[in-house]
PDB file of all heavy atoms in Angstrom:
ATOM      1  N   ALA A   1     -17.037   3.996   8.661  1.00  0.00           N
ATOM      2  CA  ALA A   1     -17.025   4.349   7.231  1.00  0.00           C
ATOM      3  C   ALA A   1     -15.771   3.806   6.560  1.00  0.00           C
ATOM      4  O   ALA A   1     -15.828   3.236   5.457  1.00  0.00           O
ATOM      5  CB  ALA A   1     -17.112   5.860   7.068  1.00  0.00           C
ATOM      6  N   GLN A   2     -14.631   3.966   7.214  1.00  0.00           N
ATOM      7  CA  GLN A   2     -13.384   3.480   6.634  1.00  0.00           C
ATOM      8  C   GLN A   2     -13.331   1.956   6.623  1.00  0.00           C
ATOM      9  O   GLN A   2     -12.761   1.343   5.709  1.00  0.00           O
ATOM     10  CB  GLN A   2     -12.204   4.060   7.410  1.00  0.00           C
ATOM     11  CG  GLN A   2     -12.097   5.575   7.236  1.00  0.00           C
ATOM     12  CD  GLN A   2     -11.020   6.184   8.101  1.00  0.00           C
ATOM     13  OE1 GLN A   2      -9.943   6.525   7.614  1.00  0.00           O
ATOM     14  NE2 GLN A   2     -11.290   6.309   9.394  1.00  0.00           N
ATOM     15  N   ALA A   3     -13.948   1.332   7.625  1.00  0.00           N
ATOM     16  CA  ALA A   3     -14.006  -0.132   7.656  1.00  0.00           C
ATOM     17  C   ALA A   3     -14.824  -0.664   6.489  1.00  0.00           C
ATOM     18  O   ALA A   3     -14.464  -1.672   5.863  1.00  0.00           O
ATOM     19  CB  ALA A   3     -14.603  -0.598   8.988  1.00  0.00           C
ATOM     20  N   MET A   4     -15.939  -0.008   6.185  1.00  0.00           N
ATOM     21  CA  MET A   4     -16.752  -0.433   5.046  1.00  0.00           C
ATOM     22  C   MET A   4     -15.954  -0.324   3.744  1.00  0.00           C
ATOM     23  O   MET A   4     -16.001  -1.216   2.877  1.00  0.00           O
ATOM     24  CB  MET A   4     -18.019   0.408   4.970  1.00  0.00           C
ATOM     25  CG  MET A   4     -19.031   0.140   6.069  1.00  0.00           C
ATOM     26  SD  MET A   4     -19.926  -1.414   5.846  1.00  0.00           S
ATOM     27  CE  MET A   4     -21.151  -0.913   4.625  1.00  0.00           C
ATOM     28  N   MET A   5     -15.206   0.770   3.593  1.00  0.00           N
ATOM     29  CA  MET A   5     -14.388   0.938   2.401  1.00  0.00           C
ATOM     30  C   MET A   5     -13.323  -0.148   2.315  1.00  0.00           C
ATOM     31  O   MET A   5     -13.094  -0.739   1.248  1.00  0.00           O
ATOM     32  CB  MET A   5     -13.724   2.320   2.425  1.00  0.00           C
ATOM     33  CG  MET A   5     -14.684   3.484   2.358  1.00  0.00           C
ATOM     34  SD  MET A   5     -13.780   5.033   2.638  1.00  0.00           S
ATOM     35  CE  MET A   5     -15.137   6.195   2.756  1.00  0.00           C
ATOM     36  N   ASP A   6     -12.665  -0.431   3.443  1.00  0.00           N
ATOM     37  CA  ASP A   6     -11.625  -1.459   3.446  1.00  0.00           C
ATOM     38  C   ASP A   6     -12.199  -2.837   3.156  1.00  0.00           C
ATOM     39  O   ASP A   6     -11.579  -3.645   2.459  1.00  0.00           O
ATOM     40  CB  ASP A   6     -10.912  -1.475   4.803  1.00  0.00           C
ATOM     41  CG  ASP A   6      -9.877  -0.367   4.937  1.00  0.00           C
ATOM     42  OD1 ASP A   6      -9.862   0.543   4.085  1.00  0.00           O
ATOM     43  OD2 ASP A   6      -9.082  -0.407   5.898  1.00  0.00           O
ATOM     44  N   LEU A   7     -13.365  -3.119   3.699  1.00  0.00           N
ATOM     45  CA  LEU A   7     -13.991  -4.416   3.457  1.00  0.00           C
ATOM     46  C   LEU A   7     -14.257  -4.603   1.963  1.00  0.00           C
ATOM     47  O   LEU A   7     -13.974  -5.667   1.392  1.00  0.00           O
ATOM     48  CB  LEU A   7     -15.291  -4.536   4.248  1.00  0.00           C
ATOM     49  CG  LEU A   7     -15.945  -5.927   4.240  1.00  0.00           C
ATOM     50  CD1 LEU A   7     -15.129  -6.900   5.068  1.00  0.00           C
ATOM     51  CD2 LEU A   7     -17.377  -5.854   4.768  1.00  0.00           C
ATOM     52  N   GLY A   8     -14.793  -3.566   1.323  1.00  0.00           N
ATOM     53  CA  GLY A   8     -15.060  -3.655  -0.106  1.00  0.00           C
ATOM     54  C   GLY A   8     -13.799  -3.753  -0.939  1.00  0.00           C
ATOM     55  O   GLY A   8     -13.781  -4.398  -1.985  1.00  0.00           O
ATOM     56  N   ALA A   9     -12.721  -3.105  -0.498  1.00  0.00           N
ATOM     57  CA  ALA A   9     -11.476  -3.099  -1.263  1.00  0.00           C
ATOM     58  C   ALA A   9     -10.683  -4.387  -1.104  1.00  0.00           C
ATOM     59  O   ALA A   9      -9.948  -4.777  -2.026  1.00  0.00           O
ATOM     60  CB  ALA A   9     -10.610  -1.915  -0.833  1.00  0.00           C
ATOM     61  N   THR A  10     -10.808  -5.075   0.025  1.00  0.00           N
ATOM     62  CA  THR A  10      -9.926  -6.206   0.304  1.00  0.00           C
ATOM     63  C   THR A  10     -10.631  -7.556   0.423  1.00  0.00           C
ATOM     64  O   THR A  10     -10.015  -8.587   0.173  1.00  0.00           O
ATOM     65  CB  THR A  10      -9.138  -5.960   1.608  1.00  0.00           C
ATOM     66  OG1 THR A  10     -10.050  -5.890   2.717  1.00  0.00           O
ATOM     67  CG2 THR A  10      -8.342  -4.663   1.528  1.00  0.00           C
ATOM     68  N   ILE A  11     -11.911  -7.574   0.810  1.00  0.00           N
ATOM     69  CA  ILE A  11     -12.637  -8.829   1.032  1.00  0.00           C
ATOM     70  C   ILE A  11     -13.832  -8.944   0.091  1.00  0.00           C
ATOM     71  O   ILE A  11     -13.960  -9.899  -0.673  1.00  0.00           O
ATOM     72  CB  ILE A  11     -13.131  -8.943   2.499  1.00  0.00           C
ATOM     73  CG1 ILE A  11     -11.949  -8.916   3.472  1.00  0.00           C
ATOM     74  CG2 ILE A  11     -13.968 -10.199   2.685  1.00  0.00           C
ATOM     75  CD1 ILE A  11     -11.072 -10.137   3.432  1.00  0.00           C
ATOM     76  N   CYS A  12     -14.713  -7.967   0.116  1.00  0.00           N
ATOM     77  CA  CYS A  12     -15.946  -8.000  -0.677  1.00  0.00           C
ATOM     78  C   CYS A  12     -15.679  -7.374  -2.040  1.00  0.00           C
ATOM     79  O   CYS A  12     -16.281  -6.373  -2.432  1.00  0.00           O
ATOM     80  CB  CYS A  12     -17.059  -7.260   0.072  1.00  0.00           C
ATOM     81  SG  CYS A  12     -18.714  -7.573  -0.577  1.00  0.00           S
ATOM     82  N   THR A  13     -14.761  -7.970  -2.765  1.00  0.00           N
ATOM     83  CA  THR A  13     -14.268  -7.420  -4.023  1.00  0.00           C
ATOM     84  C   THR A  13     -15.255  -7.694  -5.171  1.00  0.00           C
ATOM     85  O   THR A  13     -16.111  -8.577  -5.065  1.00  0.00           O
ATOM     86  CB  THR A  13     -12.898  -8.038  -4.349  1.00  0.00           C
ATOM     87  OG1 THR A  13     -13.000  -9.460  -4.221  1.00  0.00           O
ATOM     88  CG2 THR A  13     -11.834  -7.527  -3.393  1.00  0.00           C
ATOM     89  N   PRO A  14     -15.132  -6.976  -6.283  1.00  0.00           N
ATOM     90  CA  PRO A  14     -16.082  -7.187  -7.380  1.00  0.00           C
ATOM     91  C   PRO A  14     -16.078  -8.620  -7.901  1.00  0.00           C
ATOM     92  O   PRO A  14     -17.128  -9.182  -8.204  1.00  0.00           O
ATOM     93  CB  PRO A  14     -15.593  -6.206  -8.457  1.00  0.00           C
ATOM     94  CG  PRO A  14     -14.895  -5.136  -7.705  1.00  0.00           C
ATOM     95  CD  PRO A  14     -14.241  -5.816  -6.540  1.00  0.00           C
ATOM     96  N   ARG A  15     -14.908  -9.206  -8.016  1.00  0.00           N
ATOM     97  CA  ARG A  15     -14.788 -10.578  -8.490  1.00  0.00           C
ATOM     98  C   ARG A  15     -14.223 -11.455  -7.382  1.00  0.00           C
ATOM     99  O   ARG A  15     -13.324 -11.057  -6.675  1.00  0.00           O
ATOM    100  CB  ARG A  15     -13.860 -10.648  -9.723  1.00  0.00           C
ATOM    101  CG  ARG A  15     -14.351  -9.817 -10.895  1.00  0.00           C
ATOM    102  CD  ARG A  15     -15.539 -10.482 -11.585  1.00  0.00           C
ATOM    103  NE  ARG A  15     -16.060  -9.656 -12.670  1.00  0.00           N
ATOM    104  CZ  ARG A  15     -17.065  -8.807 -12.541  1.00  0.00           C
ATOM    105  NH1 ARG A  15     -17.667  -8.664 -11.373  1.00  0.00           N
ATOM    106  NH2 ARG A  15     -17.479  -8.089 -13.573  1.00  0.00           N
ATOM    107  N   ARG A  16     -14.749 -12.648  -7.248  1.00  0.00           N
ATOM    108  CA  ARG A  16     -14.274 -13.661  -6.310  1.00  0.00           C
ATOM    109  C   ARG A  16     -14.123 -13.114  -4.891  1.00  0.00           C
ATOM    110  O   ARG A  16     -13.045 -13.135  -4.310  1.00  0.00           O
ATOM    111  CB  ARG A  16     -12.953 -14.252  -6.799  1.00  0.00           C
ATOM    112  CG  ARG A  16     -13.022 -14.744  -8.224  1.00  0.00           C
ATOM    113  CD  ARG A  16     -11.694 -15.220  -8.757  1.00  0.00           C
ATOM    114  NE  ARG A  16     -11.523 -16.635  -8.514  1.00  0.00           N
ATOM    115  CZ  ARG A  16     -10.472 -17.341  -8.936  1.00  0.00           C
ATOM    116  NH1 ARG A  16      -9.511 -16.741  -9.621  1.00  0.00           N
ATOM    117  NH2 ARG A  16     -10.382 -18.620  -8.684  1.00  0.00           N
ATOM    118  N   PRO A  17     -15.194 -12.595  -4.310  1.00  0.00           N
ATOM    119  CA  PRO A  17     -15.108 -12.101  -2.926  1.00  0.00           C
ATOM    120  C   PRO A  17     -14.724 -13.230  -1.972  1.00  0.00           C
ATOM    121  O   PRO A  17     -15.122 -14.387  -2.141  1.00  0.00           O
ATOM    122  CB  PRO A  17     -16.531 -11.600  -2.654  1.00  0.00           C
ATOM    123  CG  PRO A  17     -17.397 -12.333  -3.636  1.00  0.00           C
ATOM    124  CD  PRO A  17     -16.561 -12.516  -4.863  1.00  0.00           C
ATOM    125  N   ASN A  18     -13.935 -12.881  -0.954  1.00  0.00           N
ATOM    126  CA  ASN A  18     -13.449 -13.873   0.001  1.00  0.00           C
ATOM    127  C   ASN A  18     -14.418 -13.958   1.172  1.00  0.00           C
ATOM    128  O   ASN A  18     -14.140 -13.494   2.288  1.00  0.00           O
ATOM    129  CB  ASN A  18     -12.045 -13.497   0.474  1.00  0.00           C
ATOM    130  CG  ASN A  18     -11.335 -14.651   1.131  1.00  0.00           C
ATOM    131  OD1 ASN A  18     -11.967 -15.626   1.565  1.00  0.00           O
ATOM    132  ND2 ASN A  18     -10.020 -14.573   1.214  1.00  0.00           N
ATOM    133  N   CYS A  19     -15.580 -14.547   0.917  1.00  0.00           N
ATOM    134  CA  CYS A  19     -16.652 -14.568   1.911  1.00  0.00           C
ATOM    135  C   CYS A  19     -16.270 -15.335   3.175  1.00  0.00           C
ATOM    136  O   CYS A  19     -16.782 -15.041   4.260  1.00  0.00           O
ATOM    137  CB  CYS A  19     -17.921 -15.159   1.295  1.00  0.00           C
ATOM    138  SG  CYS A  19     -18.542 -14.214  -0.120  1.00  0.00           S
ATOM    139  N   MET A  20     -15.370 -16.304   3.060  1.00  0.00           N
ATOM    140  CA  MET A  20     -14.959 -17.081   4.232  1.00  0.00           C
ATOM    141  C   MET A  20     -14.305 -16.206   5.292  1.00  0.00           C
ATOM    142  O   MET A  20     -14.394 -16.487   6.486  1.00  0.00           O
ATOM    143  CB  MET A  20     -14.009 -18.199   3.819  1.00  0.00           C
ATOM    144  CG  MET A  20     -14.666 -19.289   2.975  1.00  0.00           C
ATOM    145  SD  MET A  20     -15.873 -20.240   3.920  1.00  0.00           S
ATOM    146  CE  MET A  20     -14.784 -21.119   5.040  1.00  0.00           C
ATOM    147  N   LEU A  21     -13.640 -15.130   4.855  1.00  0.00           N
ATOM    148  CA  LEU A  21     -12.933 -14.256   5.790  1.00  0.00           C
ATOM    149  C   LEU A  21     -13.733 -13.014   6.150  1.00  0.00           C
ATOM    150  O   LEU A  21     -13.255 -12.182   6.938  1.00  0.00           O
ATOM    151  CB  LEU A  21     -11.588 -13.830   5.195  1.00  0.00           C
ATOM    152  CG  LEU A  21     -10.571 -14.949   4.929  1.00  0.00           C
ATOM    153  CD1 LEU A  21      -9.281 -14.364   4.377  1.00  0.00           C
ATOM    154  CD2 LEU A  21     -10.296 -15.740   6.203  1.00  0.00           C
ATOM    155  N   CYS A  22     -14.924 -12.882   5.610  1.00  0.00           N
ATOM    156  CA  CYS A  22     -15.701 -11.658   5.829  1.00  0.00           C
ATOM    157  C   CYS A  22     -16.310 -11.651   7.223  1.00  0.00           C
ATOM    158  O   CYS A  22     -16.981 -12.620   7.624  1.00  0.00           O
ATOM    159  CB  CYS A  22     -16.794 -11.536   4.778  1.00  0.00           C
ATOM    160  SG  CYS A  22     -17.808 -10.050   4.987  1.00  0.00           S
ATOM    161  N   PRO A  23     -16.143 -10.569   7.983  1.00  0.00           N
ATOM    162  CA  PRO A  23     -16.725 -10.511   9.331  1.00  0.00           C
ATOM    163  C   PRO A  23     -18.249 -10.414   9.317  1.00  0.00           C
ATOM    164  O   PRO A  23     -18.886 -10.589  10.360  1.00  0.00           O
ATOM    165  CB  PRO A  23     -16.102  -9.245   9.921  1.00  0.00           C
ATOM    166  CG  PRO A  23     -15.797  -8.380   8.733  1.00  0.00           C
ATOM    167  CD  PRO A  23     -15.377  -9.344   7.655  1.00  0.00           C
ATOM    168  N   LEU A  24     -18.838 -10.149   8.145  1.00  0.00           N
ATOM    169  CA  LEU A  24     -20.293 -10.001   8.044  1.00  0.00           C
ATOM    170  C   LEU A  24     -20.944 -11.194   7.353  1.00  0.00           C
ATOM    171  O   LEU A  24     -22.124 -11.131   7.008  1.00  0.00           O
ATOM    172  CB  LEU A  24     -20.634  -8.713   7.274  1.00  0.00           C
ATOM    173  CG  LEU A  24     -20.003  -7.418   7.806  1.00  0.00           C
ATOM    174  CD1 LEU A  24     -20.492  -6.229   6.988  1.00  0.00           C
ATOM    175  CD2 LEU A  24     -20.292  -7.218   9.278  1.00  0.00           C
ATOM    176  N   ASN A  25     -20.215 -12.283   7.175  1.00  0.00           N
ATOM    177  CA  ASN A  25     -20.785 -13.385   6.390  1.00  0.00           C
ATOM    178  C   ASN A  25     -22.012 -14.010   7.048  1.00  0.00           C
ATOM    179  O   ASN A  25     -22.880 -14.543   6.364  1.00  0.00           O
ATOM    180  CB  ASN A  25     -19.734 -14.445   6.051  1.00  0.00           C
ATOM    181  CG  ASN A  25     -19.039 -15.003   7.276  1.00  0.00           C
ATOM    182  OD1 ASN A  25     -19.549 -14.915   8.397  1.00  0.00           O
ATOM    183  ND2 ASN A  25     -17.856 -15.581   7.065  1.00  0.00           N
ATOM    184  N   GLY A  26     -22.124 -13.905   8.364  1.00  0.00           N
ATOM    185  CA  GLY A  26     -23.296 -14.455   9.022  1.00  0.00           C
ATOM    186  C   GLY A  26     -24.550 -13.625   8.838  1.00  0.00           C
ATOM    187  O   GLY A  26     -25.665 -14.106   9.093  1.00  0.00           O
ATOM    188  N   SER A  27     -24.390 -12.380   8.384  1.00  0.00           N
ATOM    189  CA  SER A  27     -25.534 -11.485   8.186  1.00  0.00           C
ATOM    190  C   SER A  27     -25.816 -11.210   6.718  1.00  0.00           C
ATOM    191  O   SER A  27     -26.744 -10.462   6.403  1.00  0.00           O
ATOM    192  CB  SER A  27     -25.271 -10.151   8.898  1.00  0.00           C
ATOM    193  OG  SER A  27     -25.031 -10.330  10.277  1.00  0.00           O
ATOM    194  N   CYS A  28     -25.017 -11.791   5.805  1.00  0.00           N
ATOM    195  CA  CYS A  28     -25.075 -11.409   4.395  1.00  0.00           C
ATOM    196  C   CYS A  28     -26.140 -12.211   3.651  1.00  0.00           C
ATOM    197  O   CYS A  28     -26.006 -13.425   3.441  1.00  0.00           O
ATOM    198  CB  CYS A  28     -23.715 -11.620   3.746  1.00  0.00           C
ATOM    199  SG  CYS A  28     -23.664 -11.108   2.016  1.00  0.00           S
ATOM    200  N   LEU A  29     -27.181 -11.518   3.217  1.00  0.00           N
ATOM    201  CA  LEU A  29     -28.248 -12.185   2.466  1.00  0.00           C
ATOM    202  C   LEU A  29     -27.781 -12.613   1.085  1.00  0.00           C
ATOM    203  O   LEU A  29     -28.233 -13.630   0.553  1.00  0.00           O
ATOM    204  CB  LEU A  29     -29.455 -11.259   2.347  1.00  0.00           C
ATOM    205  CG  LEU A  29     -30.165 -10.892   3.661  1.00  0.00           C
ATOM    206  CD1 LEU A  29     -31.341  -9.975   3.379  1.00  0.00           C
ATOM    207  CD2 LEU A  29     -30.625 -12.147   4.383  1.00  0.00           C
ATOM    208  N   GLY A  30     -26.869 -11.841   0.492  1.00  0.00           N
ATOM    209  CA  GLY A  30     -26.336 -12.233  -0.806  1.00  0.00           C
ATOM    210  C   GLY A  30     -25.608 -13.559  -0.733  1.00  0.00           C
ATOM    211  O   GLY A  30     -25.752 -14.414  -1.616  1.00  0.00           O
ATOM    212  N   LEU A  31     -24.822 -13.745   0.316  1.00  0.00           N
ATOM    213  CA  LEU A  31     -24.134 -15.021   0.512  1.00  0.00           C
ATOM    214  C   LEU A  31     -25.139 -16.133   0.784  1.00  0.00           C
ATOM    215  O   LEU A  31     -25.018 -17.246   0.244  1.00  0.00           O
ATOM    216  CB  LEU A  31     -23.143 -14.905   1.667  1.00  0.00           C
ATOM    217  CG  LEU A  31     -22.372 -16.180   2.035  1.00  0.00           C
ATOM    218  CD1 LEU A  31     -21.546 -16.684   0.848  1.00  0.00           C
ATOM    219  CD2 LEU A  31     -21.469 -15.923   3.244  1.00  0.00           C
ATOM    220  N   ALA A  32     -26.147 -15.856   1.590  1.00  0.00           N
ATOM    221  CA  ALA A  32     -27.160 -16.864   1.902  1.00  0.00           C
ATOM    222  C   ALA A  32     -27.900 -17.316   0.649  1.00  0.00           C
ATOM    223  O   ALA A  32     -28.319 -18.478   0.546  1.00  0.00           O
ATOM    224  CB  ALA A  32     -28.143 -16.311   2.928  1.00  0.00           C
ATOM    225  N   GLN A  33     -28.033 -16.414  -0.321  1.00  0.00           N
ATOM    226  CA  GLN A  33     -28.722 -16.772  -1.561  1.00  0.00           C
ATOM    227  C   GLN A  33     -27.825 -17.524  -2.530  1.00  0.00           C
ATOM    228  O   GLN A  33     -28.289 -18.024  -3.544  1.00  0.00           O
ATOM    229  CB  GLN A  33     -29.277 -15.515  -2.223  1.00  0.00           C
ATOM    230  CG  GLN A  33     -30.428 -14.877  -1.449  1.00  0.00           C
ATOM    231  CD  GLN A  33     -30.978 -13.642  -2.132  1.00  0.00           C
ATOM    232  OE1 GLN A  33     -30.518 -13.249  -3.203  1.00  0.00           O
ATOM    233  NE2 GLN A  33     -31.966 -13.012  -1.516  1.00  0.00           N
ATOM    234  N   GLY A  34     -26.524 -17.597  -2.235  1.00  0.00           N
ATOM    235  CA  GLY A  34     -25.662 -18.493  -2.989  1.00  0.00           C
ATOM    236  C   GLY A  34     -24.621 -17.882  -3.885  1.00  0.00           C
ATOM    237  O   GLY A  34     -23.607 -18.524  -4.168  1.00  0.00           O
ATOM    238  N   ASP A  35     -24.794 -16.655  -4.376  1.00  0.00           N
ATOM    239  CA  ASP A  35     -23.803 -16.095  -5.296  1.00  0.00           C
ATOM    240  C   ASP A  35     -23.723 -14.580  -5.153  1.00  0.00           C
ATOM    241  O   ASP A  35     -24.263 -13.828  -5.969  1.00  0.00           O
ATOM    242  CB  ASP A  35     -24.131 -16.462  -6.744  1.00  0.00           C
ATOM    243  CG  ASP A  35     -22.920 -16.273  -7.674  1.00  0.00           C
ATOM    244  OD1 ASP A  35     -21.920 -15.679  -7.221  1.00  0.00           O
ATOM    245  OD2 ASP A  35     -22.983 -16.723  -8.816  1.00  0.00           O
ATOM    246  N   PRO A  36     -23.026 -14.091  -4.123  1.00  0.00           N
ATOM    247  CA  PRO A  36     -22.949 -12.642  -3.921  1.00  0.00           C
ATOM    248  C   PRO A  36     -22.237 -11.909  -5.048  1.00  0.00           C
ATOM    249  O   PRO A  36     -22.443 -10.707  -5.228  1.00  0.00           O
ATOM    250  CB  PRO A  36     -22.178 -12.518  -2.608  1.00  0.00           C
ATOM    251  CG  PRO A  36     -21.441 -13.809  -2.457  1.00  0.00           C
ATOM    252  CD  PRO A  36     -22.307 -14.849  -3.082  1.00  0.00           C
ATOM    253  N   GLU A  37     -21.447 -12.619  -5.839  1.00  0.00           N
ATOM    254  CA  GLU A  37     -20.726 -11.951  -6.923  1.00  0.00           C
ATOM    255  C   GLU A  37     -21.674 -11.371  -7.968  1.00  0.00           C
ATOM    256  O   GLU A  37     -21.305 -10.468  -8.728  1.00  0.00           O
ATOM    257  CB  GLU A  37     -19.760 -12.934  -7.588  1.00  0.00           C
ATOM    258  CG  GLU A  37     -18.805 -12.274  -8.577  1.00  0.00           C
ATOM    259  CD  GLU A  37     -17.752 -13.226  -9.104  1.00  0.00           C
ATOM    260  OE1 GLU A  37     -17.295 -14.092  -8.337  1.00  0.00           O
ATOM    261  OE2 GLU A  37     -17.395 -13.097 -10.283  1.00  0.00           O
ATOM    262  N   LEU A  38     -22.909 -11.841  -8.000  1.00  0.00           N
ATOM    263  CA  LEU A  38     -23.890 -11.312  -8.958  1.00  0.00           C
ATOM    264  C   LEU A  38     -24.392  -9.924  -8.561  1.00  0.00           C
ATOM    265  O   LEU A  38     -25.075  -9.266  -9.350  1.00  0.00           O
ATOM    266  CB  LEU A  38     -25.074 -12.270  -9.071  1.00  0.00           C
ATOM    267  CG  LEU A  38     -24.762 -13.669  -9.631  1.00  0.00           C
ATOM    268  CD1 LEU A  38     -26.012 -14.524  -9.606  1.00  0.00           C
ATOM    269  CD2 LEU A  38     -24.181 -13.572 -11.032  1.00  0.00           C
ATOM    270  N   LEU A  39     -24.076  -9.503  -7.335  1.00  0.00           N
ATOM    271  CA  LEU A  39     -24.533  -8.206  -6.832  1.00  0.00           C
ATOM    272  C   LEU A  39     -23.344  -7.261  -6.679  1.00  0.00           C
ATOM    273  O   LEU A  39     -22.233  -7.698  -6.389  1.00  0.00           O
ATOM    274  CB  LEU A  39     -25.234  -8.397  -5.481  1.00  0.00           C
ATOM    275  CG  LEU A  39     -26.483  -9.304  -5.514  1.00  0.00           C
ATOM    276  CD1 LEU A  39     -26.911  -9.648  -4.094  1.00  0.00           C
ATOM    277  CD2 LEU A  39     -27.614  -8.627  -6.272  1.00  0.00           C
ATOM    278  N   PRO A  40     -23.563  -5.957  -6.829  1.00  0.00           N
ATOM    279  CA  PRO A  40     -24.804  -5.305  -7.240  1.00  0.00           C
ATOM    280  C   PRO A  40     -25.085  -5.495  -8.730  1.00  0.00           C
ATOM    281  O   PRO A  40     -24.171  -5.646  -9.529  1.00  0.00           O
ATOM    282  CB  PRO A  40     -24.541  -3.835  -6.912  1.00  0.00           C
ATOM    283  CG  PRO A  40     -23.058  -3.689  -7.038  1.00  0.00           C
ATOM    284  CD  PRO A  40     -22.471  -4.991  -6.581  1.00  0.00           C
TER     285      PRO A  40
END
């Protein structure tokens, strides 16, 4: 739970998420679709 919070606060940020450093980038459908910043 705390890891999810930290990921959102430091990597998967509302603007300009740092997808290159995200440990979940291989599973992220938003990234696969091309522009995760449009979500949510």
